[in-house]
Amino acid sequence: MSPPSNPTARQTRIYTDQALSTGQSIVLSPDAAKHLIKVLRRQVGDEVVLFNGDGLNYSGELTEISSKAHCEIQLKEAEPSAVESPIGVHLIQAIARGERMDWVIQKAVELGVREITPVFSERVGVKLDPARATQRQKRWQTIVLSACEQSGRATIPQVHAPMALTDWRPRPEGSAFFLDPQASNRLIDQAQPSTCELVVGPEGGLSPAECEDLSRQGLTGIRLGARVLRTETAGVAALAAIQTLWGDF
């Protein structure tokens, strides 16, 4: 038996913040046009899929290239995205240094997360003033868009503004977990939720006081196997497990 076809495989997908509708001719922004023409090397007549976060994929044809930063696409059809996970996951990730955090954001989007909240916990070594925090949030949201283009998603996860873990509160609906290598609970033993919030600590882990506070708020401490994972590995591994148990893996 041949494997099921993947409608997003090998598609050229480009994000735009413009309103989209079938039959419309779209002029891409200079940056998007440069990426399409110079990086992806698409030519007139090639098929392109646009998305703007409304949950639809808009298929079209590249009809005009007038410069390396200007092109037009004629939209033909619009179809709902078929790749969104059935479980809504909100990742609350302790901020990691540099490219480690970028990598976590990228992989979390590929694994179907719907929201990401970067947090400062006791053992986070990264310091961000308000201006740098805003810049970093914009950078992370750009990484989200790129990951959506690559993974076929047409709904765009939101990266919230960085905040202190002590200021974050779980939502009343769904299940909420925090990763703790000392915990005895496992994901496989938990009841299947419709939505899930997951707190991942920094390289040095969540402090005992933070674990106690999260437990008091109703979160369940979860252990991921016998090995202690790095912060950039732990969240991604947990998301993959969640998709395997309750999602679409």
C-alpha atoms as a PDB file:
ATOM      1  CA  MET A   1       0.000   0.000   0.000  1.00  0.00           C
ATOM      2  CA  SER A   2       1.390   3.412  -0.921  1.00  0.00           C
ATOM      3  CA  PRO A   3       1.582   6.077   1.819  1.00  0.00           C
ATOM      4  CA  PRO A   4      -1.077   8.820   1.883  1.00  0.00           C
ATOM      5  CA  SER A   5      -0.217  11.892  -0.147  1.00  0.00           C
ATOM      6  CA  ASN A   6       0.847  15.050   1.641  1.00  0.00           C
ATOM      7  CA  PRO A   7      -0.819  18.109   0.057  1.00  0.00           C
ATOM      8  CA  THR A   8       1.893  20.436   1.445  1.00  0.00           C
ATOM      9  CA  ALA A   9       4.884  18.408   0.208  1.00  0.00           C
ATOM     10  CA  ARG A  10       7.262  20.323  -2.093  1.00  0.00           C
ATOM     11  CA  GLN A  11       4.955  23.337  -2.256  1.00  0.00           C
ATOM     12  CA  THR A  12       6.402  26.821  -2.439  1.00  0.00           C
ATOM     13  CA  ARG A  13       4.700  28.607   0.447  1.00  0.00           C
ATOM     14  CA  ILE A  14       5.022  32.311   1.190  1.00  0.00           C
ATOM     15  CA  TYR A  15       3.571  34.316   4.081  1.00  0.00           C
ATOM     16  CA  THR A  16       1.978  37.700   3.431  1.00  0.00           C
ATOM     17  CA  ASP A  17       0.169  40.013   5.823  1.00  0.00           C
ATOM     18  CA  GLN A  18      -2.238  41.101   3.062  1.00  0.00           C
ATOM     19  CA  ALA A  19      -5.914  40.156   2.882  1.00  0.00           C
ATOM     20  CA  LEU A  20      -6.321  37.348   0.357  1.00  0.00           C
ATOM     21  CA  SER A  21      -9.172  36.116  -1.836  1.00  0.00           C
ATOM     22  CA  THR A  22      -9.481  33.882  -4.872  1.00  0.00           C
ATOM     23  CA  GLY A  23      -9.234  35.617  -8.238  1.00  0.00           C
ATOM     24  CA  GLN A  24      -7.071  38.349  -6.742  1.00  0.00           C
ATOM     25  CA  SER A  25      -3.718  39.482  -8.119  1.00  0.00           C
ATOM     26  CA  ILE A  26      -1.197  39.990  -5.290  1.00  0.00           C
ATOM     27  CA  VAL A  27       1.991  42.042  -5.391  1.00  0.00           C
ATOM     28  CA  LEU A  28       4.364  40.591  -2.818  1.00  0.00           C
ATOM     29  CA  SER A  29       6.407  42.755  -0.488  1.00  0.00           C
ATOM     30  CA  PRO A  30      10.006  43.339  -1.664  1.00  0.00           C
ATOM     31  CA  ASP A  31      11.427  40.956   0.956  1.00  0.00           C
ATOM     32  CA  ALA A  32       8.983  38.167   0.067  1.00  0.00           C
ATOM     33  CA  ALA A  33       9.593  38.742  -3.648  1.00  0.00           C
ATOM     34  CA  LYS A  34      13.374  38.562  -3.195  1.00  0.00           C
ATOM     35  CA  HIS A  35      13.015  35.312  -1.276  1.00  0.00           C
ATOM     36  CA  LEU A  36      10.756  33.820  -3.938  1.00  0.00           C
ATOM     37  CA  ILE A  37      12.862  34.929  -6.914  1.00  0.00           C
ATOM     38  CA  LYS A  38      16.472  34.929  -5.690  1.00  0.00           C
ATOM     39  CA  VAL A  39      16.458  32.230  -2.981  1.00  0.00           C
ATOM     40  CA  LEU A  40      13.776  29.828  -4.210  1.00  0.00           C
ATOM     41  CA  ARG A  41      14.476  30.735  -7.877  1.00  0.00           C
ATOM     42  CA  ARG A  42      10.856  30.600  -8.947  1.00  0.00           C
ATOM     43  CA  GLN A  43       9.910  31.760 -12.434  1.00  0.00           C
ATOM     44  CA  VAL A  44       6.820  32.994 -14.244  1.00  0.00           C
ATOM     45  CA  GLY A  45       4.335  30.126 -14.554  1.00  0.00           C
ATOM     46  CA  ASP A  46       5.393  28.412 -11.322  1.00  0.00           C
ATOM     47  CA  GLU A  47       2.786  27.531  -8.710  1.00  0.00           C
ATOM     48  CA  VAL A  48       2.943  29.348  -5.367  1.00  0.00           C
ATOM     49  CA  VAL A  49       0.871  29.028  -2.203  1.00  0.00           C
ATOM     50  CA  LEU A  50       0.227  32.128  -0.098  1.00  0.00           C
ATOM     51  CA  PHE A  51      -1.107  32.255   3.461  1.00  0.00           C
ATOM     52  CA  ASN A  52      -1.808  35.072   5.900  1.00  0.00           C
ATOM     53  CA  GLY A  53      -2.781  33.244   9.088  1.00  0.00           C
ATOM     54  CA  ASP A  54      -6.525  32.908   8.454  1.00  0.00           C
ATOM     55  CA  GLY A  55      -6.238  29.118   8.262  1.00  0.00           C
ATOM     56  CA  LEU A  56      -6.481  28.924   4.467  1.00  0.00           C
ATOM     57  CA  ASN A  57      -3.908  28.084   1.818  1.00  0.00           C
ATOM     58  CA  TYR A  58      -4.300  30.208  -1.327  1.00  0.00           C
ATOM     59  CA  SER A  59      -2.864  28.509  -4.404  1.00  0.00           C
ATOM     60  CA  GLY A  60      -1.842  30.660  -7.328  1.00  0.00           C
ATOM     61  CA  GLU A  61       0.516  31.224 -10.224  1.00  0.00           C
ATOM     62  CA  LEU A  62       3.508  33.520 -10.471  1.00  0.00           C
ATOM     63  CA  THR A  63       2.438  35.730 -13.386  1.00  0.00           C
ATOM     64  CA  GLU A  64       4.942  38.577 -13.460  1.00  0.00           C
ATOM     65  CA  ILE A  65       8.523  39.312 -12.405  1.00  0.00           C
ATOM     66  CA  SER A  66       9.546  42.882 -13.201  1.00  0.00           C
ATOM     67  CA  SER A  67      12.626  43.019 -10.964  1.00  0.00           C
ATOM     68  CA  LYS A  68      14.410  40.980  -8.293  1.00  0.00           C
ATOM     69  CA  ALA A  69      12.180  42.607  -5.675  1.00  0.00           C
ATOM     70  CA  HIS A  70       8.837  42.777  -7.510  1.00  0.00           C
ATOM     71  CA  CYS A  71       6.492  40.023  -8.587  1.00  0.00           C
ATOM     72  CA  GLU A  72       2.789  39.330  -8.887  1.00  0.00           C
ATOM     73  CA  ILE A  73       0.799  36.200  -8.112  1.00  0.00           C
ATOM     74  CA  GLN A  74      -2.665  35.386  -9.435  1.00  0.00           C
ATOM     75  CA  LEU A  75      -4.665  33.516  -6.793  1.00  0.00           C
ATOM     76  CA  LYS A  76      -6.866  30.663  -8.007  1.00  0.00           C
ATOM     77  CA  GLU A  77      -8.171  28.538  -5.128  1.00  0.00           C
ATOM     78  CA  ALA A  78      -8.387  28.616  -1.335  1.00  0.00           C
ATOM     79  CA  GLU A  79      -8.457  25.519   0.839  1.00  0.00           C
ATOM     80  CA  PRO A  80      -8.489  25.052   4.621  1.00  0.00           C
ATOM     81  CA  SER A  81      -5.208  23.849   6.049  1.00  0.00           C
ATOM     82  CA  ALA A  82      -5.273  20.149   6.905  1.00  0.00           C
ATOM     83  CA  VAL A  83      -2.132  20.073   9.053  1.00  0.00           C
ATOM     84  CA  GLU A  84      -3.190  21.679  12.343  1.00  0.00           C
ATOM     85  CA  SER A  85      -2.937  19.444  15.395  1.00  0.00           C
ATOM     86  CA  PRO A  86      -6.185  18.410  17.107  1.00  0.00           C
ATOM     87  CA  ILE A  87      -4.705  19.330  20.499  1.00  0.00           C
ATOM     88  CA  GLY A  88      -3.981  22.941  21.336  1.00  0.00           C
ATOM     89  CA  VAL A  89      -0.628  23.230  23.102  1.00  0.00           C
ATOM     90  CA  HIS A  90       0.693  26.349  24.827  1.00  0.00           C
ATOM     91  CA  LEU A  91       4.442  26.139  25.470  1.00  0.00           C
ATOM     92  CA  ILE A  92       5.760  28.182  28.392  1.00  0.00           C
ATOM     93  CA  GLN A  93       9.491  28.069  27.763  1.00  0.00           C
ATOM     94  CA  ALA A  94      12.233  29.418  30.015  1.00  0.00           C
ATOM     95  CA  ILE A  95      14.369  31.689  27.857  1.00  0.00           C
ATOM     96  CA  ALA A  96      17.530  30.009  26.587  1.00  0.00           C
ATOM     97  CA  ARG A  97      20.622  31.732  25.281  1.00  0.00           C
ATOM     98  CA  GLY A  98      20.919  32.865  21.657  1.00  0.00           C
ATOM     99  CA  GLU A  99      20.283  30.302  18.978  1.00  0.00           C
ATOM    100  CA  ARG A 100      19.042  27.692  21.456  1.00  0.00           C
ATOM    101  CA  MET A 101      15.838  29.674  21.994  1.00  0.00           C
ATOM    102  CA  ASP A 102      15.485  30.296  18.257  1.00  0.00           C
ATOM    103  CA  TRP A 103      15.753  26.540  17.691  1.00  0.00           C
ATOM    104  CA  VAL A 104      13.108  25.777  20.328  1.00  0.00           C
ATOM    105  CA  ILE A 105      10.690  28.267  18.751  1.00  0.00           C
ATOM    106  CA  GLN A 106      11.221  26.820  15.279  1.00  0.00           C
ATOM    107  CA  LYS A 107      10.790  23.190  16.317  1.00  0.00           C
ATOM    108  CA  ALA A 108       7.805  23.920  18.556  1.00  0.00           C
ATOM    109  CA  VAL A 109       5.975  25.405  15.566  1.00  0.00           C
ATOM    110  CA  GLU A 110       6.885  22.407  13.406  1.00  0.00           C
ATOM    111  CA  LEU A 111       5.468  20.186  16.175  1.00  0.00           C
ATOM    112  CA  GLY A 112       2.109  21.973  16.119  1.00  0.00           C
ATOM    113  CA  VAL A 113       2.247  24.292  19.133  1.00  0.00           C
ATOM    114  CA  ARG A 114      -0.383  27.058  19.076  1.00  0.00           C
ATOM    115  CA  GLU A 115       1.127  29.552  21.518  1.00  0.00           C
ATOM    116  CA  ILE A 116       4.520  30.226  23.063  1.00  0.00           C
ATOM    117  CA  THR A 117       5.229  32.306  26.160  1.00  0.00           C
ATOM    118  CA  PRO A 118       8.921  32.933  26.901  1.00  0.00           C
ATOM    119  CA  VAL A 119       9.509  33.273  30.649  1.00  0.00           C
ATOM    120  CA  PHE A 120      12.229  34.323  33.050  1.00  0.00           C
ATOM    121  CA  SER A 121      12.622  31.848  35.899  1.00  0.00           C
ATOM    122  CA  GLU A 122      15.062  31.873  38.827  1.00  0.00           C
ATOM    123  CA  ARG A 123      17.860  30.120  36.962  1.00  0.00           C
ATOM    124  CA  VAL A 124      17.526  31.836  33.581  1.00  0.00           C
ATOM    125  CA  GLY A 125      20.844  33.481  32.739  1.00  0.00           C
ATOM    126  CA  VAL A 126      19.520  35.725  29.957  1.00  0.00           C
ATOM    127  CA  LYS A 127      18.927  39.397  30.785  1.00  0.00           C
ATOM    128  CA  LEU A 128      16.669  41.475  28.534  1.00  0.00           C
ATOM    129  CA  ASP A 129      15.651  45.075  29.088  1.00  0.00           C
ATOM    130  CA  PRO A 130      12.218  46.068  27.733  1.00  0.00           C
ATOM    131  CA  ALA A 131      13.604  47.264  24.383  1.00  0.00           C
ATOM    132  CA  ARG A 132      15.649  44.102  23.826  1.00  0.00           C
ATOM    133  CA  ALA A 133      12.725  41.938  24.933  1.00  0.00           C
ATOM    134  CA  THR A 134      10.526  43.585  22.295  1.00  0.00           C
ATOM    135  CA  GLN A 135      13.188  43.070  19.628  1.00  0.00           C
ATOM    136  CA  ARG A 136      13.623  39.436  20.610  1.00  0.00           C
ATOM    137  CA  GLN A 137       9.865  38.848  20.532  1.00  0.00           C
ATOM    138  CA  LYS A 138       9.722  40.241  16.969  1.00  0.00           C
ATOM    139  CA  ARG A 139      12.625  37.992  15.956  1.00  0.00           C
ATOM    140  CA  TRP A 140      10.895  34.938  17.421  1.00  0.00           C
ATOM    141  CA  GLN A 141       7.659  35.778  15.608  1.00  0.00           C
ATOM    142  CA  THR A 142       9.624  35.985  12.347  1.00  0.00           C
ATOM    143  CA  ILE A 143      11.024  32.519  13.080  1.00  0.00           C
ATOM    144  CA  VAL A 144       7.442  31.332  13.615  1.00  0.00           C
ATOM    145  CA  LEU A 145       6.434  32.589  10.162  1.00  0.00           C
ATOM    146  CA  SER A 146       9.375  30.852   8.505  1.00  0.00           C
ATOM    147  CA  ALA A 147       8.546  27.608  10.320  1.00  0.00           C
ATOM    148  CA  CYS A 148       4.919  27.885   9.151  1.00  0.00           C
ATOM    149  CA  GLU A 149       6.089  28.297   5.553  1.00  0.00           C
ATOM    150  CA  GLN A 150       8.267  25.206   5.847  1.00  0.00           C
ATOM    151  CA  SER A 151       5.834  22.965   7.749  1.00  0.00           C
ATOM    152  CA  GLY A 152       2.661  23.748   5.794  1.00  0.00           C
ATOM    153  CA  ARG A 153       0.806  25.524   8.591  1.00  0.00           C
ATOM    154  CA  ALA A 154      -1.659  28.272   7.672  1.00  0.00           C
ATOM    155  CA  THR A 155      -2.540  29.242  11.246  1.00  0.00           C
ATOM    156  CA  ILE A 156       0.224  31.269  12.861  1.00  0.00           C
ATOM    157  CA  PRO A 157       1.180  30.552  16.490  1.00  0.00           C
ATOM    158  CA  GLN A 158       1.623  33.639  18.653  1.00  0.00           C
ATOM    159  CA  VAL A 159       4.776  34.373  20.622  1.00  0.00           C
ATOM    160  CA  HIS A 160       3.702  36.377  23.665  1.00  0.00           C
ATOM    161  CA  ALA A 161       5.856  39.040  25.281  1.00  0.00           C
ATOM    162  CA  PRO A 162       8.496  37.624  27.651  1.00  0.00           C
ATOM    163  CA  MET A 163       7.380  37.647  31.274  1.00  0.00           C
ATOM    164  CA  ALA A 164       8.396  36.370  34.703  1.00  0.00           C
ATOM    165  CA  LEU A 165       7.327  32.810  35.457  1.00  0.00           C
ATOM    166  CA  THR A 166       5.954  34.084  38.771  1.00  0.00           C
ATOM    167  CA  ASP A 167       3.541  36.325  36.819  1.00  0.00           C
ATOM    168  CA  TRP A 168       2.274  33.541  34.563  1.00  0.00           C
ATOM    169  CA  ARG A 169      -0.963  31.755  35.512  1.00  0.00           C
ATOM    170  CA  PRO A 170      -2.454  28.585  33.992  1.00  0.00           C
ATOM    171  CA  ARG A 171      -5.797  28.809  32.276  1.00  0.00           C
ATOM    172  CA  PRO A 172      -8.796  27.193  33.948  1.00  0.00           C
ATOM    173  CA  GLU A 173      -9.554  24.880  31.026  1.00  0.00           C
ATOM    174  CA  GLY A 174      -7.460  21.946  29.804  1.00  0.00           C
ATOM    175  CA  SER A 175      -4.460  20.312  31.465  1.00  0.00           C
ATOM    176  CA  ALA A 176      -1.202  21.913  32.576  1.00  0.00           C
ATOM    177  CA  PHE A 177       2.166  20.253  33.178  1.00  0.00           C
ATOM    178  CA  PHE A 178       5.706  21.229  34.102  1.00  0.00           C
ATOM    179  CA  LEU A 179       8.787  19.165  33.358  1.00  0.00           C
ATOM    180  CA  ASP A 180      10.586  17.923  36.460  1.00  0.00           C
ATOM    181  CA  PRO A 181      13.246  15.148  36.356  1.00  0.00           C
ATOM    182  CA  GLN A 182      12.409  14.344  39.978  1.00  0.00           C
ATOM    183  CA  ALA A 183       8.699  13.762  39.329  1.00  0.00           C
ATOM    184  CA  SER A 184       7.146  10.303  39.272  1.00  0.00           C
ATOM    185  CA  ASN A 185       4.301  11.115  36.858  1.00  0.00           C
ATOM    186  CA  ARG A 186       4.496  10.354  33.141  1.00  0.00           C
ATOM    187  CA  LEU A 187       2.587  11.845  30.224  1.00  0.00           C
ATOM    188  CA  ILE A 188       1.358   8.417  29.181  1.00  0.00           C
ATOM    189  CA  ASP A 189      -0.489   8.040  32.497  1.00  0.00           C
ATOM    190  CA  GLN A 190      -2.430  11.319  32.159  1.00  0.00           C
ATOM    191  CA  ALA A 191      -5.989  11.667  30.896  1.00  0.00           C
ATOM    192  CA  GLN A 192      -6.251  12.947  27.340  1.00  0.00           C
ATOM    193  CA  PRO A 193      -6.844  16.738  27.345  1.00  0.00           C
ATOM    194  CA  SER A 194      -8.326  18.914  24.617  1.00  0.00           C
ATOM    195  CA  THR A 195      -5.806  21.662  25.365  1.00  0.00           C
ATOM    196  CA  CYS A 196      -2.509  21.518  27.175  1.00  0.00           C
ATOM    197  CA  GLU A 197      -0.077  23.977  28.763  1.00  0.00           C
ATOM    198  CA  LEU A 198       3.526  22.885  29.215  1.00  0.00           C
ATOM    199  CA  VAL A 199       6.146  24.667  31.344  1.00  0.00           C
ATOM    200  CA  VAL A 200       9.788  23.953  30.515  1.00  0.00           C
ATOM    201  CA  GLY A 201      12.532  25.211  32.807  1.00  0.00           C
ATOM    202  CA  PRO A 202      15.972  26.624  31.942  1.00  0.00           C
ATOM    203  CA  GLU A 203      19.315  24.834  31.665  1.00  0.00           C
ATOM    204  CA  GLY A 204      19.611  24.633  35.444  1.00  0.00           C
ATOM    205  CA  GLY A 205      16.040  23.439  35.818  1.00  0.00           C
ATOM    206  CA  LEU A 206      13.138  24.875  37.754  1.00  0.00           C
ATOM    207  CA  SER A 207      13.952  25.595  41.396  1.00  0.00           C
ATOM    208  CA  PRO A 208      12.240  23.603  44.169  1.00  0.00           C
ATOM    209  CA  ALA A 209      10.261  26.727  45.098  1.00  0.00           C
ATOM    210  CA  GLU A 210       9.070  27.138  41.497  1.00  0.00           C
ATOM    211  CA  CYS A 211       8.016  23.491  41.319  1.00  0.00           C
ATOM    212  CA  GLU A 212       6.087  23.866  44.561  1.00  0.00           C
ATOM    213  CA  ASP A 213       4.391  27.034  43.297  1.00  0.00           C
ATOM    214  CA  LEU A 214       3.397  25.411  40.011  1.00  0.00           C
ATOM    215  CA  SER A 215       2.026  22.402  41.881  1.00  0.00           C
ATOM    216  CA  ARG A 216      -0.054  24.705  44.096  1.00  0.00           C
ATOM    217  CA  GLN A 217      -1.508  26.236  40.926  1.00  0.00           C
ATOM    218  CA  GLY A 218      -2.693  22.806  39.801  1.00  0.00           C
ATOM    219  CA  LEU A 219       0.074  21.837  37.371  1.00  0.00           C
ATOM    220  CA  THR A 220       1.305  18.242  37.303  1.00  0.00           C
ATOM    221  CA  GLY A 221       5.036  17.580  37.381  1.00  0.00           C
ATOM    222  CA  ILE A 222       6.100  15.251  34.565  1.00  0.00           C
ATOM    223  CA  ARG A 223       9.282  13.231  34.146  1.00  0.00           C
ATOM    224  CA  LEU A 224      10.573  12.481  30.647  1.00  0.00           C
ATOM    225  CA  GLY A 225      12.297   9.133  31.059  1.00  0.00           C
ATOM    226  CA  ALA A 226      15.417   8.362  33.062  1.00  0.00           C
ATOM    227  CA  ARG A 227      17.718  10.928  31.467  1.00  0.00           C
ATOM    228  CA  VAL A 228      17.984  14.648  32.231  1.00  0.00           C
ATOM    229  CA  LEU A 229      17.487  16.611  29.011  1.00  0.00           C
ATOM    230  CA  ARG A 230      18.756  20.038  28.076  1.00  0.00           C
ATOM    231  CA  THR A 231      16.170  22.804  28.007  1.00  0.00           C
ATOM    232  CA  GLU A 232      16.193  22.997  24.191  1.00  0.00           C
ATOM    233  CA  THR A 233      15.700  19.221  24.016  1.00  0.00           C
ATOM    234  CA  ALA A 234      13.179  18.761  26.811  1.00  0.00           C
ATOM    235  CA  GLY A 235      10.373  20.891  25.409  1.00  0.00           C
ATOM    236  CA  VAL A 236      10.716  19.495  21.900  1.00  0.00           C
ATOM    237  CA  ALA A 237      10.750  15.925  23.231  1.00  0.00           C
ATOM    238  CA  ALA A 238       7.671  16.599  25.353  1.00  0.00           C
ATOM    239  CA  LEU A 239       5.813  18.145  22.400  1.00  0.00           C
ATOM    240  CA  ALA A 240       6.618  15.106  20.264  1.00  0.00           C
ATOM    241  CA  ALA A 241       5.308  12.850  23.040  1.00  0.00           C
ATOM    242  CA  ILE A 242       2.124  14.923  23.348  1.00  0.00           C
ATOM    243  CA  GLN A 243       1.519  14.677  19.611  1.00  0.00           C
ATOM    244  CA  THR A 244       2.119  10.930  19.760  1.00  0.00           C
ATOM    245  CA  LEU A 245      -0.260  10.378  22.675  1.00  0.00           C
ATOM    246  CA  TRP A 246      -3.006  12.901  21.931  1.00  0.00           C
ATOM    247  CA  GLY A 247      -2.281  14.627  18.642  1.00  0.00           C
ATOM    248  CA  ASP A 248      -1.707  13.524  15.058  1.00  0.00           C
ATOM    249  CA  PHE A 249       1.571  11.612  15.122  1.00  0.00           C
END
